[in-house]
Protein backbone atom coordinates (compact mmCIF):
# COMPACT_ATOMS: atom_id res chain seq x y z
CA MET A 1 108.49 -34.39 -7.40
CA VAL A 2 106.80 -34.15 -4.01
CA ARG A 3 107.33 -37.18 -1.77
CA PRO A 4 104.45 -38.10 0.57
CA LYS A 5 105.47 -37.71 4.21
CA LYS A 6 104.13 -40.21 6.70
CA TYR A 7 104.47 -37.82 9.66
CA LEU A 8 102.11 -35.39 7.86
CA GLY A 9 99.66 -38.18 7.02
CA GLN A 10 100.00 -37.49 3.30
CA HIS A 11 98.30 -39.70 0.73
CA PHE A 12 98.24 -37.83 -2.56
CA LEU A 13 95.20 -38.29 -4.76
CA LYS A 14 96.29 -39.33 -8.26
CA ASP A 15 92.94 -40.08 -9.94
CA ARG A 16 91.76 -37.07 -11.96
CA ASN A 17 88.18 -38.38 -12.24
CA ILE A 18 87.84 -38.47 -8.45
CA ALA A 19 89.38 -34.98 -8.26
CA VAL A 20 86.78 -33.68 -10.74
CA LYS A 21 83.96 -35.23 -8.69
CA ILE A 22 85.28 -33.59 -5.52
CA VAL A 23 85.63 -30.13 -7.07
CA ASP A 24 82.23 -30.42 -8.79
CA SER A 25 80.66 -31.19 -5.39
CA LEU A 26 81.44 -27.65 -4.20
CA GLN A 27 78.16 -25.71 -4.38
CA SER A 28 79.09 -22.33 -2.90
CA THR A 29 79.56 -19.63 -5.49
CA GLY A 30 80.64 -16.03 -5.17
CA MET A 31 82.69 -16.59 -2.02
CA PRO A 32 86.35 -17.32 -1.41
CA VAL A 33 87.50 -20.94 -1.44
CA LEU A 34 90.32 -22.25 0.76
CA GLU A 35 91.96 -25.57 -0.07
CA ILE A 36 93.55 -27.30 2.90
CA GLY A 37 96.70 -29.31 2.13
CA PRO A 38 96.87 -29.17 -1.68
CA GLY A 39 99.93 -31.47 -1.81
CA THR A 40 100.73 -31.98 -5.49
CA GLY A 41 97.86 -29.75 -6.67
CA ILE A 42 95.40 -32.15 -8.32
CA LEU A 43 92.39 -30.31 -6.85
CA THR A 44 94.17 -26.96 -7.12
CA GLU A 45 94.47 -27.22 -10.90
CA LEU A 46 90.72 -27.81 -11.26
CA LEU A 47 89.79 -25.05 -8.80
CA ILE A 48 91.95 -22.53 -10.69
CA LYS A 49 90.11 -23.40 -13.92
CA LYS A 50 86.80 -22.61 -12.20
CA GLU A 51 88.12 -19.12 -11.46
CA TYR A 52 87.23 -19.03 -7.78
CA ASP A 53 88.64 -16.37 -5.46
CA PHE A 54 90.99 -19.06 -4.29
CA SER A 55 93.76 -19.67 -1.74
CA VAL A 56 95.54 -22.76 -0.45
CA ILE A 57 97.10 -23.46 2.93
CA GLU A 58 100.00 -25.90 3.03
CA ILE A 59 102.45 -26.86 5.78
CA ASP A 60 104.81 -29.07 3.72
CA LYS A 61 107.78 -27.04 2.41
CA GLU A 62 108.37 -29.44 -0.51
CA SER A 63 104.72 -29.08 -1.61
CA ILE A 64 104.94 -25.29 -1.29
CA VAL A 65 107.94 -25.15 -3.64
CA HIS A 66 106.15 -27.49 -6.09
CA LEU A 67 102.94 -25.41 -6.00
CA HIS A 68 104.84 -22.13 -6.60
CA GLU A 69 106.54 -23.71 -9.62
CA ARG A 70 103.39 -25.33 -11.02
CA PHE A 71 100.97 -22.45 -10.35
CA PRO A 72 102.81 -19.09 -10.47
CA GLY A 73 100.70 -16.44 -8.77
CA LEU A 74 98.72 -18.91 -6.66
CA ASP A 75 97.86 -17.46 -3.24
CA ILE A 76 99.68 -19.90 -0.95
CA ILE A 77 99.36 -19.53 2.80
CA GLU A 78 102.40 -21.25 4.27
CA GLY A 79 101.42 -22.74 7.59
CA ASP A 80 99.30 -25.06 9.66
CA PHE A 81 95.52 -24.82 9.24
CA LEU A 82 95.07 -25.85 12.87
CA GLU A 83 96.86 -22.65 13.94
CA PHE A 84 95.52 -20.41 11.17
CA ASP A 85 93.24 -17.44 11.97
CA LEU A 86 90.49 -17.57 9.34
CA LYS A 87 88.86 -14.35 10.56
CA ALA A 88 92.09 -12.39 10.21
CA ARG A 89 92.52 -13.53 6.60
CA PHE A 90 88.94 -13.74 5.28
CA SER A 91 86.40 -11.01 6.02
CA THR A 92 83.50 -12.83 4.32
CA LYS A 93 81.93 -16.27 4.33
CA LEU A 94 84.03 -18.92 2.63
CA ALA A 95 84.07 -22.52 1.45
CA ILE A 96 86.74 -25.06 2.38
CA ILE A 97 87.82 -28.00 0.24
CA GLY A 98 90.51 -30.63 0.53
CA ASN A 99 91.81 -34.13 0.88
CA PHE A 100 92.25 -33.87 4.64
CA PRO A 101 95.11 -35.71 6.35
CA TYR A 102 93.34 -38.52 8.21
CA ASN A 103 95.41 -38.06 11.35
CA ILE A 104 94.07 -34.50 11.90
CA SER A 105 90.64 -34.53 10.23
CA SER A 106 88.77 -34.35 13.56
CA GLN A 107 90.85 -31.35 14.64
CA ILE A 108 90.08 -29.67 11.29
CA PHE A 109 86.35 -30.14 11.93
CA PHE A 110 86.65 -28.62 15.41
CA ARG A 111 88.36 -25.59 13.81
CA VAL A 112 85.49 -25.41 11.28
CA LEU A 113 83.03 -25.44 14.19
CA ASP A 114 84.94 -22.57 15.82
CA ALA A 115 84.54 -20.58 12.57
CA ARG A 116 81.00 -21.79 11.78
CA GLN A 117 79.68 -18.24 11.28
CA GLN A 118 82.23 -17.85 8.50
CA VAL A 119 82.56 -21.34 6.97
CA ASN A 120 79.54 -21.81 4.71
CA GLU A 121 80.52 -25.12 3.11
CA VAL A 122 83.15 -27.86 3.41
CA VAL A 123 83.79 -30.51 0.76
CA CYS A 124 86.43 -32.98 1.84
CA MET A 125 87.82 -36.45 1.48
CA ILE A 126 88.42 -38.19 4.79
CA GLN A 127 88.73 -41.71 6.14
CA LYS A 128 85.49 -43.60 5.36
CA GLU A 129 85.02 -44.61 8.99
CA VAL A 130 85.06 -40.93 10.05
CA ALA A 131 82.73 -39.95 7.18
CA ASP A 132 80.30 -42.68 8.26
CA ARG A 133 80.40 -41.36 11.82
CA LEU A 134 79.91 -37.70 10.85
CA ALA A 135 77.01 -38.43 8.50
CA SER A 136 75.31 -40.96 10.81
CA LYS A 137 71.95 -40.17 12.36
CA GLU A 138 70.96 -40.11 16.00
CA GLY A 139 70.53 -43.61 17.40
CA ASN A 140 73.17 -45.11 15.10
CA LYS A 141 76.04 -46.77 16.99
CA THR A 142 78.61 -44.61 15.12
CA TYR A 143 76.84 -41.36 16.13
CA GLY A 144 79.22 -39.46 18.42
CA ILE A 145 80.08 -36.05 19.84
CA LEU A 146 81.57 -34.68 16.61
CA SER A 147 78.46 -35.89 14.71
CA VAL A 148 76.21 -34.07 17.20
CA LEU A 149 78.20 -30.83 17.08
CA LEU A 150 78.62 -30.70 13.30
CA GLN A 151 75.00 -31.67 12.60
CA ALA A 152 73.81 -28.89 14.89
CA TYR A 153 75.24 -26.33 12.47
CA TYR A 154 75.69 -28.17 9.16
CA ASN A 155 73.69 -30.42 6.87
CA ILE A 156 76.04 -33.31 6.06
CA ASP A 157 75.87 -35.21 2.78
CA TYR A 158 77.79 -38.46 2.33
CA LEU A 159 78.72 -38.14 -1.36
CA PHE A 160 80.79 -41.18 -2.40
CA LYS A 161 83.32 -43.78 -1.33
CA VAL A 162 86.92 -43.78 -2.63
CA SER A 163 89.16 -46.85 -2.78
CA PRO A 164 92.81 -46.84 -1.60
CA GLY A 165 94.21 -47.48 -5.09
CA VAL A 166 93.65 -43.89 -6.24
CA PHE A 167 96.29 -42.56 -3.83
CA ASN A 168 100.08 -42.44 -3.64
CA PRO A 169 100.82 -44.17 -1.32
CA PRO A 170 97.56 -46.11 -0.91
CA PRO A 171 96.20 -45.77 2.63
CA LYS A 172 95.31 -48.91 4.55
CA VAL A 173 91.68 -47.75 4.76
CA ASN A 174 88.89 -46.67 2.41
CA SER A 175 88.07 -43.00 2.04
CA ALA A 176 84.88 -41.05 1.44
CA VAL A 177 83.88 -37.58 0.32
CA ILE A 178 81.36 -35.60 2.36
CA ARG A 179 79.87 -32.14 2.07
CA LEU A 180 78.90 -29.92 4.99
CA ARG A 181 76.54 -27.03 4.23
CA ARG A 182 75.75 -24.45 6.89
CA ASN A 183 72.14 -24.71 8.07
CA ASP A 184 69.96 -21.96 9.56
CA ASN A 185 70.54 -22.94 13.21
């Protein structure tokens, strides 16, 4: 059993219906998919069934052991996404999916911006407040620098809200799922 670690900001999704909705929100086909922070593997299991060219990146040693046991043959990149060189690993466009740790979600989006020529789509669950900010339009009081930068290169869809009760442990905030799709800019 994988224990959620507070210092890693882990809140493991336990609701399979929400997991299905997240995975079904991924629209990119024919390109590699990278899952950030698979944790216990609830999204991983569904992504494997869809037969994507699929890898995961995980920093938590306990989760890595669990994932190796649960999904023999899964391509697991052991490390920190914030320090990971996407271009060295993936030579084509790719999609990213995940239940992002709330404490580093902004840094993940800055890394996505750095690799915007390569990252075609992102489907992720993040803190609702951050999702509201990223999807907000110009003139809205929540519109900020990350909104401006991401919207310059991506169309952002606010997909659905997620309540704290579907996580272990439940976060103290609501969550939301958004999708970023690379635009033509």
